[in-house]
Amino acid sequence: MTNAPVPADTLIAQLQWRYATKAFDPARKIPHETWAALEQALILSPSSYGMQPYRFVIVTDPAVREKLVPASWNQRQPADCSHYVVFAARAANAEADVDRYLERVAEVRRGTVEALGGFKRMLMADVVNGPRGEIALEWATRQAYIALGNFMTAAAVIGIDTCPMEGFDPAQYDAILDLPARGLHAVVACAAGYRAGDDKYAGLPKVRMPADELLIRL
């Protein structure tokens, strides 16, 4: 696999271009190949230990998306965007979750689960029976936000608009999407697609604090 980095000025230009899109064009859909790349960006997001204690619920059913609108403080992004992703964090970690992860490690890296015994003991002592296990949902939520940031940056680089969504009722989302049955809870969401031509927020200058206030150089 060859590395073809995005030029630095292109990256900054795309990050300047992106904004939290308030109004999407419901008639424009993300092409299949482009969306497939964004799904891979979700999958390739980093997470603590690489365990990925979350799932990405890609909601495509128009009827379900309409149900999410009143649960989203009547914001239209869930229904009007091209693709809507709900980031669902795992409520608790079990030994079975650790075992599945180690099976995948062995499969991808062509090793054996037995050789990962020390790693399993460490994971069990932390994410199941230890500090991370005691705050499993909070820990998984933090990991989900890493994936959200990765997804939004990837989308900006390839010219796809996004809007992160915290303005919703998690309990209603959980019920609509039947997440508790999977041991999951909705923690954040992201609408993706193309901005509407009349979205007044699209042309506003991006407001950020000056670098000398935000960056602490030691």
N, C-alpha and C. Protein backbone atom coordinates (compact mmCIF):
# COMPACT_ATOMS: atom_id res chain seq x y z
N MET A 1 0.85 -1.19 0.00
CA MET A 1 0.00 0.00 0.00
C MET A 1 0.88 1.24 0.00
N THR A 2 0.66 2.12 -0.96
CA THR A 2 1.45 3.34 -1.05
C THR A 2 0.77 4.47 -0.29
N ASN A 3 1.58 5.38 0.21
CA ASN A 3 1.07 6.51 0.95
C ASN A 3 1.05 7.73 0.04
N ALA A 4 -0.14 8.29 -0.17
CA ALA A 4 -0.27 9.49 -1.00
C ALA A 4 -0.91 10.57 -0.13
N PRO A 5 -0.10 11.28 0.64
CA PRO A 5 -0.66 12.25 1.59
C PRO A 5 -1.37 13.40 0.91
N VAL A 6 -2.40 13.90 1.58
CA VAL A 6 -3.11 15.08 1.11
C VAL A 6 -2.22 16.29 1.38
N PRO A 7 -2.03 17.18 0.42
CA PRO A 7 -1.22 18.38 0.67
C PRO A 7 -1.75 19.16 1.87
N ALA A 8 -0.85 19.74 2.65
CA ALA A 8 -1.25 20.46 3.86
C ALA A 8 -2.21 21.60 3.57
N ASP A 9 -1.98 22.32 2.47
CA ASP A 9 -2.87 23.45 2.18
C ASP A 9 -4.27 22.96 1.78
N THR A 10 -4.34 21.79 1.16
CA THR A 10 -5.64 21.21 0.82
C THR A 10 -6.40 20.84 2.08
N LEU A 11 -5.71 20.23 3.03
CA LEU A 11 -6.34 19.85 4.30
C LEU A 11 -6.93 21.08 4.98
N ILE A 12 -6.13 22.13 5.11
CA ILE A 12 -6.61 23.34 5.80
C ILE A 12 -7.77 23.97 5.04
N ALA A 13 -7.68 23.99 3.72
CA ALA A 13 -8.77 24.57 2.91
C ALA A 13 -10.08 23.82 3.15
N GLN A 14 -10.01 22.49 3.22
CA GLN A 14 -11.23 21.71 3.42
C GLN A 14 -11.78 21.86 4.84
N LEU A 15 -10.90 22.00 5.81
CA LEU A 15 -11.37 22.22 7.18
C LEU A 15 -11.97 23.61 7.33
N GLN A 16 -11.47 24.58 6.56
CA GLN A 16 -12.09 25.90 6.54
C GLN A 16 -13.45 25.85 5.84
N TRP A 17 -13.56 24.99 4.84
CA TRP A 17 -14.79 24.87 4.06
C TRP A 17 -15.93 24.26 4.85
N ARG A 18 -15.61 23.27 5.68
CA ARG A 18 -16.65 22.55 6.40
C ARG A 18 -17.28 23.42 7.48
N TYR A 19 -18.52 23.11 7.80
CA TYR A 19 -19.21 23.75 8.91
C TYR A 19 -20.32 22.80 9.34
N ALA A 20 -20.90 23.07 10.48
CA ALA A 20 -22.00 22.22 10.95
C ALA A 20 -23.24 22.56 10.13
N THR A 21 -23.50 21.77 9.12
CA THR A 21 -24.54 22.07 8.13
C THR A 21 -25.93 22.01 8.77
N LYS A 22 -26.62 23.12 8.71
CA LYS A 22 -27.95 23.20 9.32
C LYS A 22 -29.05 22.72 8.38
N ALA A 23 -28.86 22.95 7.08
CA ALA A 23 -29.89 22.56 6.10
C ALA A 23 -29.23 21.77 4.97
N PHE A 24 -29.73 20.55 4.78
CA PHE A 24 -29.22 19.69 3.72
C PHE A 24 -30.17 19.71 2.53
N ASP A 25 -29.62 19.45 1.36
CA ASP A 25 -30.42 19.30 0.14
C ASP A 25 -30.91 17.86 0.09
N PRO A 26 -32.19 17.61 0.35
CA PRO A 26 -32.68 16.22 0.40
C PRO A 26 -32.65 15.52 -0.95
N ALA A 27 -32.51 16.28 -2.03
CA ALA A 27 -32.49 15.67 -3.37
C ALA A 27 -31.12 15.15 -3.76
N ARG A 28 -30.08 15.55 -3.05
CA ARG A 28 -28.73 15.13 -3.42
C ARG A 28 -28.26 13.99 -2.51
N LYS A 29 -27.81 12.92 -3.12
CA LYS A 29 -27.35 11.75 -2.38
C LYS A 29 -25.86 11.53 -2.61
N ILE A 30 -25.19 11.07 -1.59
CA ILE A 30 -23.77 10.76 -1.69
C ILE A 30 -23.60 9.53 -2.59
N PRO A 31 -22.73 9.59 -3.60
CA PRO A 31 -22.52 8.43 -4.47
C PRO A 31 -22.05 7.21 -3.67
N HIS A 32 -22.38 6.04 -4.18
CA HIS A 32 -22.07 4.80 -3.48
C HIS A 32 -20.59 4.68 -3.16
N GLU A 33 -19.72 4.96 -4.12
CA GLU A 33 -18.28 4.80 -3.92
C GLU A 33 -17.78 5.76 -2.84
N THR A 34 -18.33 6.97 -2.84
CA THR A 34 -17.92 7.96 -1.83
C THR A 34 -18.36 7.53 -0.44
N TRP A 35 -19.62 7.05 -0.35
CA TRP A 35 -20.09 6.60 0.96
C TRP A 35 -19.31 5.39 1.44
N ALA A 36 -18.95 4.50 0.54
CA ALA A 36 -18.16 3.33 0.93
C ALA A 36 -16.84 3.77 1.55
N ALA A 37 -16.24 4.82 1.02
CA ALA A 37 -14.99 5.33 1.59
C ALA A 37 -15.23 5.90 2.99
N LEU A 38 -16.36 6.57 3.18
CA LEU A 38 -16.65 7.12 4.50
C LEU A 38 -16.97 6.01 5.51
N GLU A 39 -17.59 4.94 5.06
CA GLU A 39 -17.78 3.80 5.95
C GLU A 39 -16.43 3.24 6.40
N GLN A 40 -15.48 3.19 5.47
CA GLN A 40 -14.15 2.71 5.83
C GLN A 40 -13.48 3.67 6.81
N ALA A 41 -13.73 4.97 6.66
CA ALA A 41 -13.18 5.93 7.61
C ALA A 41 -13.72 5.66 9.01
N LEU A 42 -15.00 5.29 9.11
CA LEU A 42 -15.56 4.90 10.41
C LEU A 42 -14.85 3.67 10.96
N ILE A 43 -14.73 2.66 10.12
CA ILE A 43 -14.12 1.40 10.54
C ILE A 43 -12.67 1.60 10.96
N LEU A 44 -11.95 2.47 10.25
CA LEU A 44 -10.52 2.68 10.50
C LEU A 44 -10.24 3.67 11.62
N SER A 45 -11.27 4.20 12.25
CA SER A 45 -11.06 5.14 13.36
C SER A 45 -10.29 4.47 14.49
N PRO A 46 -9.38 5.19 15.11
CA PRO A 46 -8.64 4.62 16.25
C PRO A 46 -9.53 4.53 17.49
N SER A 47 -9.21 3.57 18.34
CA SER A 47 -9.92 3.44 19.62
C SER A 47 -8.96 2.83 20.64
N SER A 48 -9.26 3.04 21.91
CA SER A 48 -8.40 2.53 22.98
C SER A 48 -8.28 1.01 22.89
N TYR A 49 -7.05 0.52 22.91
CA TYR A 49 -6.73 -0.91 22.75
C TYR A 49 -7.13 -1.44 21.37
N GLY A 50 -7.74 -0.60 20.53
CA GLY A 50 -8.26 -1.07 19.26
C GLY A 50 -9.54 -1.87 19.40
N MET A 51 -10.22 -1.76 20.55
CA MET A 51 -11.37 -2.64 20.83
C MET A 51 -12.67 -2.22 20.18
N GLN A 52 -12.77 -0.94 19.76
CA GLN A 52 -13.99 -0.45 19.11
C GLN A 52 -15.26 -0.79 19.92
N PRO A 53 -15.39 -0.21 21.11
CA PRO A 53 -16.56 -0.53 21.95
C PRO A 53 -17.80 0.25 21.56
N TYR A 54 -18.13 0.21 20.29
CA TYR A 54 -19.26 0.96 19.75
C TYR A 54 -19.73 0.29 18.48
N ARG A 55 -20.85 0.77 17.97
CA ARG A 55 -21.33 0.38 16.66
C ARG A 55 -21.85 1.63 15.96
N PHE A 56 -21.79 1.61 14.63
CA PHE A 56 -22.26 2.73 13.83
C PHE A 56 -23.58 2.32 13.17
N VAL A 57 -24.66 2.96 13.57
CA VAL A 57 -25.97 2.63 13.04
C VAL A 57 -26.25 3.58 11.88
N ILE A 58 -26.23 3.04 10.67
CA ILE A 58 -26.45 3.84 9.47
C ILE A 58 -27.92 3.74 9.12
N VAL A 59 -28.64 4.82 9.35
CA VAL A 59 -30.09 4.81 9.21
C VAL A 59 -30.46 5.27 7.80
N THR A 60 -31.03 4.36 7.01
CA THR A 60 -31.40 4.67 5.63
C THR A 60 -32.91 4.66 5.40
N ASP A 61 -33.66 4.00 6.27
CA ASP A 61 -35.11 3.91 6.10
C ASP A 61 -35.74 5.29 6.32
N PRO A 62 -36.39 5.85 5.29
CA PRO A 62 -36.98 7.19 5.42
C PRO A 62 -37.99 7.29 6.56
N ALA A 63 -38.74 6.25 6.78
CA ALA A 63 -39.75 6.28 7.84
C ALA A 63 -39.09 6.36 9.21
N VAL A 64 -38.02 5.61 9.39
CA VAL A 64 -37.30 5.65 10.66
C VAL A 64 -36.65 7.01 10.85
N ARG A 65 -36.09 7.56 9.79
CA ARG A 65 -35.45 8.86 9.89
C ARG A 65 -36.44 9.95 10.24
N GLU A 66 -37.66 9.85 9.73
CA GLU A 66 -38.69 10.83 10.10
C GLU A 66 -39.04 10.70 11.59
N LYS A 67 -39.03 9.48 12.10
CA LYS A 67 -39.29 9.29 13.53
C LYS A 67 -38.22 9.94 14.39
N LEU A 68 -37.01 10.02 13.85
CA LEU A 68 -35.91 10.61 14.62
C LEU A 68 -36.00 12.13 14.69
N VAL A 69 -36.77 12.75 13.80
CA VAL A 69 -36.86 14.22 13.78
C VAL A 69 -37.44 14.76 15.09
N PRO A 70 -38.63 14.32 15.53
CA PRO A 70 -39.14 14.85 16.81
C PRO A 70 -38.25 14.47 17.99
N ALA A 71 -37.52 13.37 17.88
CA ALA A 71 -36.58 12.99 18.94
C ALA A 71 -35.30 13.80 18.87
N SER A 72 -35.17 14.63 17.83
CA SER A 72 -33.99 15.47 17.62
C SER A 72 -34.35 16.94 17.75
N TRP A 73 -35.27 17.23 18.66
CA TRP A 73 -35.72 18.60 18.91
C TRP A 73 -36.27 19.22 17.62
N ASN A 74 -36.86 18.38 16.79
CA ASN A 74 -37.48 18.80 15.52
C ASN A 74 -36.49 19.39 14.51
N GLN A 75 -35.24 19.06 14.67
CA GLN A 75 -34.25 19.43 13.66
C GLN A 75 -34.40 18.49 12.47
N ARG A 76 -34.27 19.01 11.25
CA ARG A 76 -34.55 18.25 10.05
C ARG A 76 -33.35 17.47 9.51
N GLN A 77 -32.18 17.70 10.04
CA GLN A 77 -31.00 17.03 9.45
C GLN A 77 -31.13 15.51 9.37
N PRO A 78 -31.67 14.82 10.38
CA PRO A 78 -31.75 13.36 10.27
C PRO A 78 -32.55 12.88 9.07
N ALA A 79 -33.56 13.62 8.68
CA ALA A 79 -34.41 13.20 7.56
C ALA A 79 -33.93 13.75 6.22
N ASP A 80 -33.34 14.94 6.21
CA ASP A 80 -33.01 15.60 4.96
C ASP A 80 -31.62 15.28 4.42
N CYS A 81 -30.73 14.81 5.27
CA CYS A 81 -29.37 14.52 4.82
C CYS A 81 -29.37 13.26 3.93
N SER A 82 -28.25 13.01 3.30
CA SER A 82 -28.13 11.82 2.46
C SER A 82 -27.98 10.56 3.30
N HIS A 83 -27.08 10.59 4.29
CA HIS A 83 -26.82 9.44 5.16
C HIS A 83 -26.77 9.93 6.61
N TYR A 84 -27.38 9.16 7.49
CA TYR A 84 -27.41 9.53 8.91
C TYR A 84 -26.79 8.41 9.73
N VAL A 85 -25.79 8.78 10.54
CA VAL A 85 -25.07 7.79 11.35
C VAL A 85 -25.31 8.07 12.82
N VAL A 86 -25.76 7.08 13.54
CA VAL A 86 -25.90 7.17 14.99
C VAL A 86 -24.75 6.37 15.61
N PHE A 87 -23.99 7.04 16.46
CA PHE A 87 -22.87 6.40 17.14
C PHE A 87 -23.39 5.82 18.45
N ALA A 88 -23.36 4.51 18.55
CA ALA A 88 -23.94 3.81 19.70
C ALA A 88 -22.83 3.14 20.50
N ALA A 89 -22.72 3.51 21.75
CA ALA A 89 -21.66 3.00 22.62
C ALA A 89 -22.12 1.76 23.38
N ARG A 90 -21.18 0.86 23.61
CA ARG A 90 -21.49 -0.36 24.34
C ARG A 90 -21.68 -0.04 25.82
N ALA A 91 -22.74 -0.57 26.40
CA ALA A 91 -23.09 -0.24 27.78
C ALA A 91 -22.20 -0.92 28.79
N ALA A 92 -21.68 -2.09 28.46
CA ALA A 92 -20.84 -2.84 29.39
C ALA A 92 -19.90 -3.73 28.59
N ASN A 93 -18.77 -4.07 29.20
CA ASN A 93 -17.81 -4.95 28.55
C ASN A 93 -17.83 -6.31 29.24
N ALA A 94 -17.82 -7.36 28.44
CA ALA A 94 -17.83 -8.72 28.97
C ALA A 94 -16.64 -9.49 28.42
N GLU A 95 -16.36 -10.62 29.04
CA GLU A 95 -15.26 -11.45 28.56
C GLU A 95 -15.47 -11.85 27.11
N ALA A 96 -16.73 -12.04 26.71
CA ALA A 96 -17.02 -12.41 25.32
C ALA A 96 -16.57 -11.32 24.35
N ASP A 97 -16.66 -10.06 24.77
CA ASP A 97 -16.21 -8.96 23.91
C ASP A 97 -14.70 -9.00 23.74
N VAL A 98 -14.01 -9.29 24.83
CA VAL A 98 -12.55 -9.41 24.77
C VAL A 98 -12.15 -10.58 23.88
N ASP A 99 -12.83 -11.71 24.06
CA ASP A 99 -12.51 -12.90 23.26
C ASP A 99 -12.74 -12.65 21.77
N ARG A 100 -13.84 -11.98 21.44
CA ARG A 100 -14.11 -11.69 20.02
C ARG A 100 -13.02 -10.81 19.42
N TYR A 101 -12.59 -9.81 20.20
CA TYR A 101 -11.54 -8.92 19.72
C TYR A 101 -10.24 -9.69 19.50
N LEU A 102 -9.88 -10.54 20.45
CA LEU A 102 -8.63 -11.30 20.31
C LEU A 102 -8.70 -12.28 19.14
N GLU A 103 -9.87 -12.84 18.91
CA GLU A 103 -10.05 -13.70 17.72
C GLU A 103 -9.77 -12.92 16.45
N ARG A 104 -10.25 -11.68 16.42
CA ARG A 104 -10.05 -10.85 15.23
C ARG A 104 -8.57 -10.46 15.07
N VAL A 105 -7.92 -10.16 16.19
CA VAL A 105 -6.48 -9.85 16.13
C VAL A 105 -5.71 -11.03 15.56
N ALA A 106 -6.00 -12.22 16.07
CA ALA A 106 -5.31 -13.42 15.60
C ALA A 106 -5.59 -13.67 14.12
N GLU A 107 -6.84 -13.43 13.70
CA GLU A 107 -7.22 -13.65 12.31
C GLU A 107 -6.47 -12.70 11.38
N VAL A 108 -6.48 -11.42 11.72
CA VAL A 108 -5.90 -10.41 10.83
C VAL A 108 -4.38 -10.51 10.81
N ARG A 109 -3.77 -10.77 11.97
CA ARG A 109 -2.31 -10.78 12.06
C ARG A 109 -1.71 -12.17 11.96
N ARG A 110 -2.56 -13.13 11.64
CA ARG A 110 -2.14 -14.51 11.39
C ARG A 110 -1.36 -15.10 12.56
N GLY A 111 -1.95 -14.92 13.73
CA GLY A 111 -1.38 -15.49 14.93
C GLY A 111 -2.35 -16.44 15.58
N THR A 112 -2.20 -16.66 16.85
CA THR A 112 -3.11 -17.53 17.60
C THR A 112 -3.65 -16.79 18.80
N VAL A 113 -4.84 -17.17 19.19
CA VAL A 113 -5.44 -16.58 20.39
C VAL A 113 -4.61 -16.94 21.61
N GLU A 114 -4.08 -18.14 21.61
CA GLU A 114 -3.28 -18.59 22.76
C GLU A 114 -2.08 -17.68 23.00
N ALA A 115 -1.49 -17.18 21.93
CA ALA A 115 -0.32 -16.31 22.06
C ALA A 115 -0.68 -14.95 22.64
N LEU A 116 -1.96 -14.66 22.69
CA LEU A 116 -2.41 -13.36 23.18
C LEU A 116 -2.91 -13.44 24.63
N GLY A 117 -2.52 -14.49 25.31
CA GLY A 117 -3.00 -14.69 26.68
C GLY A 117 -2.67 -13.54 27.61
N GLY A 118 -1.45 -13.02 27.51
CA GLY A 118 -1.06 -11.90 28.36
C GLY A 118 -1.88 -10.66 28.07
N PHE A 119 -2.13 -10.42 26.79
CA PHE A 119 -2.96 -9.28 26.39
C PHE A 119 -4.37 -9.45 26.94
N LYS A 120 -4.90 -10.66 26.88
CA LYS A 120 -6.25 -10.88 27.40
C LYS A 120 -6.30 -10.58 28.90
N ARG A 121 -5.32 -11.03 29.63
CA ARG A 121 -5.33 -10.79 31.08
C ARG A 121 -5.31 -9.29 31.36
N MET A 122 -4.54 -8.53 30.59
CA MET A 122 -4.48 -7.09 30.77
C MET A 122 -5.83 -6.45 30.46
N LEU A 123 -6.45 -6.87 29.35
CA LEU A 123 -7.76 -6.31 28.99
C LEU A 123 -8.82 -6.65 30.03
N MET A 124 -8.83 -7.88 30.48
CA MET A 124 -9.81 -8.28 31.49
C MET A 124 -9.64 -7.47 32.77
N ALA A 125 -8.39 -7.19 33.13
CA ALA A 125 -8.12 -6.45 34.36
C ALA A 125 -8.45 -4.97 34.23
N ASP A 126 -8.67 -4.51 33.02
CA ASP A 126 -8.96 -3.10 32.82
C ASP A 126 -10.39 -2.88 32.33
N VAL A 127 -10.71 -3.35 31.13
CA VAL A 127 -12.00 -2.99 30.52
C VAL A 127 -13.17 -3.82 31.02
N VAL A 128 -12.91 -4.95 31.66
CA VAL A 128 -14.01 -5.76 32.20
C VAL A 128 -14.08 -5.63 33.72
N ASN A 129 -12.98 -5.93 34.40
CA ASN A 129 -13.00 -5.96 35.86
C ASN A 129 -12.31 -4.78 36.52
N GLY A 130 -11.79 -3.86 35.73
CA GLY A 130 -10.99 -2.77 36.27
C GLY A 130 -11.57 -1.39 36.01
N PRO A 131 -10.69 -0.39 35.95
CA PRO A 131 -11.13 1.01 35.84
C PRO A 131 -12.05 1.29 34.67
N ARG A 132 -11.70 0.82 33.47
CA ARG A 132 -12.55 1.06 32.31
C ARG A 132 -13.86 0.28 32.41
N GLY A 133 -13.80 -0.89 33.04
CA GLY A 133 -15.01 -1.68 33.20
C GLY A 133 -16.03 -1.00 34.10
N GLU A 134 -15.54 -0.24 35.09
CA GLU A 134 -16.44 0.43 36.02
C GLU A 134 -17.18 1.60 35.37
N ILE A 135 -16.58 2.15 34.31
CA ILE A 135 -17.22 3.27 33.60
C ILE A 135 -17.34 2.91 32.12
N ALA A 136 -17.80 1.71 31.86
CA ALA A 136 -17.77 1.17 30.49
C ALA A 136 -18.48 2.07 29.48
N LEU A 137 -19.67 2.55 29.82
CA LEU A 137 -20.41 3.37 28.86
C LEU A 137 -19.71 4.70 28.64
N GLU A 138 -19.21 5.31 29.69
CA GLU A 138 -18.48 6.58 29.54
C GLU A 138 -17.23 6.38 28.70
N TRP A 139 -16.50 5.30 28.96
CA TRP A 139 -15.29 5.00 28.20
C TRP A 139 -15.62 4.78 26.73
N ALA A 140 -16.66 4.00 26.46
CA ALA A 140 -17.06 3.73 25.08
C ALA A 140 -17.52 5.01 24.39
N THR A 141 -18.17 5.89 25.13
CA THR A 141 -18.62 7.16 24.56
C THR A 141 -17.44 7.99 24.10
N ARG A 142 -16.39 8.03 24.90
CA ARG A 142 -15.19 8.77 24.50
C ARG A 142 -14.62 8.21 23.21
N GLN A 143 -14.61 6.91 23.09
CA GLN A 143 -14.08 6.29 21.87
C GLN A 143 -14.97 6.62 20.67
N ALA A 144 -16.28 6.68 20.89
CA ALA A 144 -17.20 7.01 19.81
C ALA A 144 -16.96 8.43 19.30
N TYR A 145 -16.61 9.34 20.20
CA TYR A 145 -16.34 10.71 19.78
C TYR A 145 -15.05 10.80 18.97
N ILE A 146 -14.09 9.94 19.25
CA ILE A 146 -12.89 9.89 18.40
C ILE A 146 -13.30 9.51 16.98
N ALA A 147 -14.17 8.51 16.88
CA ALA A 147 -14.65 8.08 15.56
C ALA A 147 -15.44 9.17 14.87
N LEU A 148 -16.23 9.93 15.63
CA LEU A 148 -16.99 11.04 15.05
C LEU A 148 -16.05 12.06 14.43
N GLY A 149 -15.00 12.45 15.16
CA GLY A 149 -14.06 13.42 14.63
C GLY A 149 -13.36 12.91 13.39
N ASN A 150 -12.98 11.64 13.41
CA ASN A 150 -12.31 11.05 12.25
C ASN A 150 -13.24 11.06 11.04
N PHE A 151 -14.50 10.72 11.27
CA PHE A 151 -15.49 10.69 10.18
C PHE A 151 -15.70 12.07 9.59
N MET A 152 -15.85 13.08 10.43
CA MET A 152 -16.11 14.42 9.95
C MET A 152 -14.91 14.98 9.18
N THR A 153 -13.71 14.70 9.65
CA THR A 153 -12.52 15.17 8.92
C THR A 153 -12.41 14.48 7.58
N ALA A 154 -12.63 13.17 7.55
CA ALA A 154 -12.56 12.43 6.29
C ALA A 154 -13.60 12.98 5.31
N ALA A 155 -14.80 13.26 5.82
CA ALA A 155 -15.85 13.79 4.95
C ALA A 155 -15.46 15.14 4.38
N ALA A 156 -14.89 16.00 5.21
CA ALA A 156 -14.49 17.33 4.74
C ALA A 156 -13.44 17.23 3.65
N VAL A 157 -12.49 16.33 3.83
CA VAL A 157 -11.40 16.20 2.86
C VAL A 157 -11.93 15.82 1.48
N ILE A 158 -13.00 15.02 1.44
CA ILE A 158 -13.52 14.61 0.13
C ILE A 158 -14.77 15.39 -0.28
N GLY A 159 -15.03 16.49 0.43
CA GLY A 159 -16.08 17.39 -0.01
C GLY A 159 -17.49 17.02 0.36
N ILE A 160 -17.65 16.31 1.47
CA ILE A 160 -18.99 15.94 1.94
C ILE A 160 -19.31 16.76 3.19
N ASP A 161 -20.49 17.35 3.22
CA ASP A 161 -20.93 18.13 4.37
C ASP A 161 -21.39 17.22 5.50
N THR A 162 -21.19 17.69 6.71
CA THR A 162 -21.63 16.94 7.89
C THR A 162 -22.19 17.89 8.94
N CYS A 163 -22.94 17.32 9.86
CA CYS A 163 -23.40 18.05 11.02
C CYS A 163 -23.42 17.10 12.21
N PRO A 164 -22.55 17.32 13.20
CA PRO A 164 -22.61 16.49 14.40
C PRO A 164 -23.87 16.81 15.18
N MET A 165 -24.49 15.80 15.74
CA MET A 165 -25.78 15.97 16.40
C MET A 165 -25.72 15.44 17.83
N GLU A 166 -25.74 16.35 18.79
CA GLU A 166 -25.95 15.99 20.19
C GLU A 166 -27.35 16.37 20.64
N GLY A 167 -28.01 17.20 19.85
CA GLY A 167 -29.33 17.69 20.21
C GLY A 167 -30.42 16.68 19.92
N PHE A 168 -30.46 15.63 20.71
CA PHE A 168 -31.53 14.63 20.59
C PHE A 168 -31.75 13.97 21.94
N ASP A 169 -32.86 13.27 22.04
CA ASP A 169 -33.19 12.54 23.27
C ASP A 169 -32.63 11.12 23.14
N PRO A 170 -31.57 10.80 23.86
CA PRO A 170 -30.95 9.47 23.72
C PRO A 170 -31.92 8.32 24.00
N ALA A 171 -32.78 8.50 24.97
CA ALA A 171 -33.72 7.42 25.31
C ALA A 171 -34.68 7.16 24.14
N GLN A 172 -35.13 8.23 23.48
CA GLN A 172 -36.02 8.04 22.32
C GLN A 172 -35.26 7.38 21.17
N TYR A 173 -34.04 7.81 20.94
CA TYR A 173 -33.24 7.17 19.90
C TYR A 173 -33.06 5.68 20.20
N ASP A 174 -32.74 5.40 21.45
CA ASP A 174 -32.55 3.99 21.84
C ASP A 174 -33.79 3.17 21.53
N ALA A 175 -34.97 3.73 21.84
CA ALA A 175 -36.22 3.00 21.63
C ALA A 175 -36.52 2.84 20.14
N ILE A 176 -36.35 3.91 19.37
CA ILE A 176 -36.66 3.87 17.94
C ILE A 176 -35.75 2.89 17.21
N LEU A 177 -34.48 2.86 17.61
CA LEU A 177 -33.49 2.03 16.92
C LEU A 177 -33.28 0.67 17.60
N ASP A 178 -33.99 0.42 18.70
CA ASP A 178 -33.91 -0.85 19.43
C ASP A 178 -32.47 -1.15 19.86
N LEU A 179 -31.80 -0.15 20.37
CA LEU A 179 -30.38 -0.31 20.72
C LEU A 179 -30.14 -1.09 22.02
N PRO A 180 -30.95 -0.91 23.08
CA PRO A 180 -30.68 -1.67 24.30
C PRO A 180 -30.66 -3.18 24.09
N ALA A 181 -31.43 -3.67 23.13
CA ALA A 181 -31.43 -5.12 22.86
C ALA A 181 -30.07 -5.59 22.37
N ARG A 182 -29.27 -4.66 21.85
CA ARG A 182 -27.92 -4.98 21.38
C ARG A 182 -26.86 -4.58 22.41
N GLY A 183 -27.30 -4.14 23.58
CA GLY A 183 -26.35 -3.71 24.60
C GLY A 183 -25.72 -2.37 24.29
N LEU A 184 -26.44 -1.52 23.54
CA LEU A 184 -25.90 -0.25 23.07
C LEU A 184 -26.77 0.92 23.50
N HIS A 185 -26.15 2.11 23.51
CA HIS A 185 -26.88 3.34 23.77
C HIS A 185 -26.42 4.42 22.80
N ALA A 186 -27.36 5.20 22.26
CA ALA A 186 -27.02 6.30 21.36
C ALA A 186 -26.33 7.41 22.15
N VAL A 187 -25.17 7.87 21.66
CA VAL A 187 -24.44 8.91 22.37
C VAL A 187 -24.23 10.17 21.53
N VAL A 188 -24.16 10.03 20.23
CA VAL A 188 -24.00 11.17 19.34
C VAL A 188 -24.38 10.69 17.94
N ALA A 189 -24.63 11.61 17.04
CA ALA A 189 -24.99 11.23 15.67
C ALA A 189 -24.33 12.21 14.71
N CYS A 190 -24.38 11.87 13.43
CA CYS A 190 -23.81 12.76 12.43
C CYS A 190 -24.58 12.63 11.12
N ALA A 191 -25.06 13.76 10.63
CA ALA A 191 -25.71 13.82 9.33
C ALA A 191 -24.65 14.10 8.28
N ALA A 192 -24.79 13.46 7.12
CA ALA A 192 -23.83 13.66 6.03
C ALA A 192 -24.57 13.82 4.72
N GLY A 193 -24.06 14.68 3.87
CA GLY A 193 -24.70 14.90 2.58
C GLY A 193 -24.18 16.16 1.92
N TYR A 194 -25.11 16.95 1.38
CA TYR A 194 -24.74 18.18 0.67
C TYR A 194 -25.58 19.34 1.18
N ARG A 195 -24.92 20.44 1.47
CA ARG A 195 -25.60 21.60 2.01
C ARG A 195 -26.66 22.14 1.04
N ALA A 196 -27.74 22.65 1.59
CA ALA A 196 -28.76 23.30 0.77
C ALA A 196 -28.25 24.64 0.28
N GLY A 197 -28.71 25.04 -0.89
CA GLY A 197 -28.24 26.29 -1.46
C GLY A 197 -28.62 27.51 -0.66
N ASP A 198 -29.67 27.41 0.17
CA ASP A 198 -30.12 28.56 0.94
C ASP A 198 -29.75 28.48 2.42
N ASP A 199 -28.81 27.60 2.76
CA ASP A 199 -28.38 27.53 4.17
C ASP A 199 -27.56 28.77 4.49
N LYS A 200 -28.13 29.65 5.30
CA LYS A 200 -27.49 30.94 5.58
C LYS A 200 -26.18 30.79 6.35
N TYR A 201 -25.99 29.65 6.98
CA TYR A 201 -24.77 29.47 7.77
C TYR A 201 -23.56 29.09 6.92
N ALA A 202 -23.80 28.69 5.68
CA ALA A 202 -22.71 28.20 4.84
C ALA A 202 -21.65 29.25 4.57
N GLY A 203 -22.05 30.50 4.42
CA GLY A 203 -21.11 31.54 4.05
C GLY A 203 -20.55 32.33 5.21
N LEU A 204 -20.93 32.00 6.43
CA LEU A 204 -20.44 32.76 7.57
C LEU A 204 -18.97 32.45 7.85
N PRO A 205 -18.18 33.46 8.19
CA PRO A 205 -16.78 33.19 8.54
C PRO A 205 -16.69 32.24 9.74
N LYS A 206 -15.71 31.37 9.70
CA LYS A 206 -15.53 30.42 10.81
C LYS A 206 -14.91 31.14 12.00
N VAL A 207 -15.51 31.00 13.16
CA VAL A 207 -15.03 31.68 14.37
C VAL A 207 -14.27 30.68 15.24
N ARG A 208 -13.00 30.96 15.44
CA ARG A 208 -12.18 30.18 16.35
C ARG A 208 -11.31 31.13 17.15
N MET A 209 -10.93 30.75 18.35
CA MET A 209 -10.05 31.59 19.15
C MET A 209 -8.67 31.65 18.50
N PRO A 210 -7.94 32.75 18.73
CA PRO A 210 -6.61 32.88 18.12
C PRO A 210 -5.67 31.76 18.57
N ALA A 211 -4.73 31.44 17.70
CA ALA A 211 -3.79 30.35 17.98
C ALA A 211 -3.03 30.57 19.28
N ASP A 212 -2.66 31.84 19.56
CA ASP A 212 -1.86 32.08 20.77
C ASP A 212 -2.66 31.90 22.05
N GLU A 213 -4.00 31.80 21.93
CA GLU A 213 -4.82 31.49 23.09
C GLU A 213 -5.08 29.99 23.21
N LEU A 214 -5.19 29.32 22.08
CA LEU A 214 -5.54 27.90 22.09
C LEU A 214 -4.33 26.99 22.23
N LEU A 215 -3.20 27.38 21.65
CA LEU A 215 -2.03 26.52 21.63
C LEU A 215 -1.08 26.90 22.75
N ILE A 216 -0.78 25.94 23.59
CA ILE A 216 0.19 26.15 24.69
C ILE A 216 1.47 25.43 24.28
N ARG A 217 2.49 26.18 24.03
CA ARG A 217 3.76 25.60 23.56
C ARG A 217 4.75 25.54 24.71
N LEU A 218 5.20 24.35 25.03
CA LEU A 218 6.14 24.14 26.14
C LEU A 218 7.52 23.72 25.64
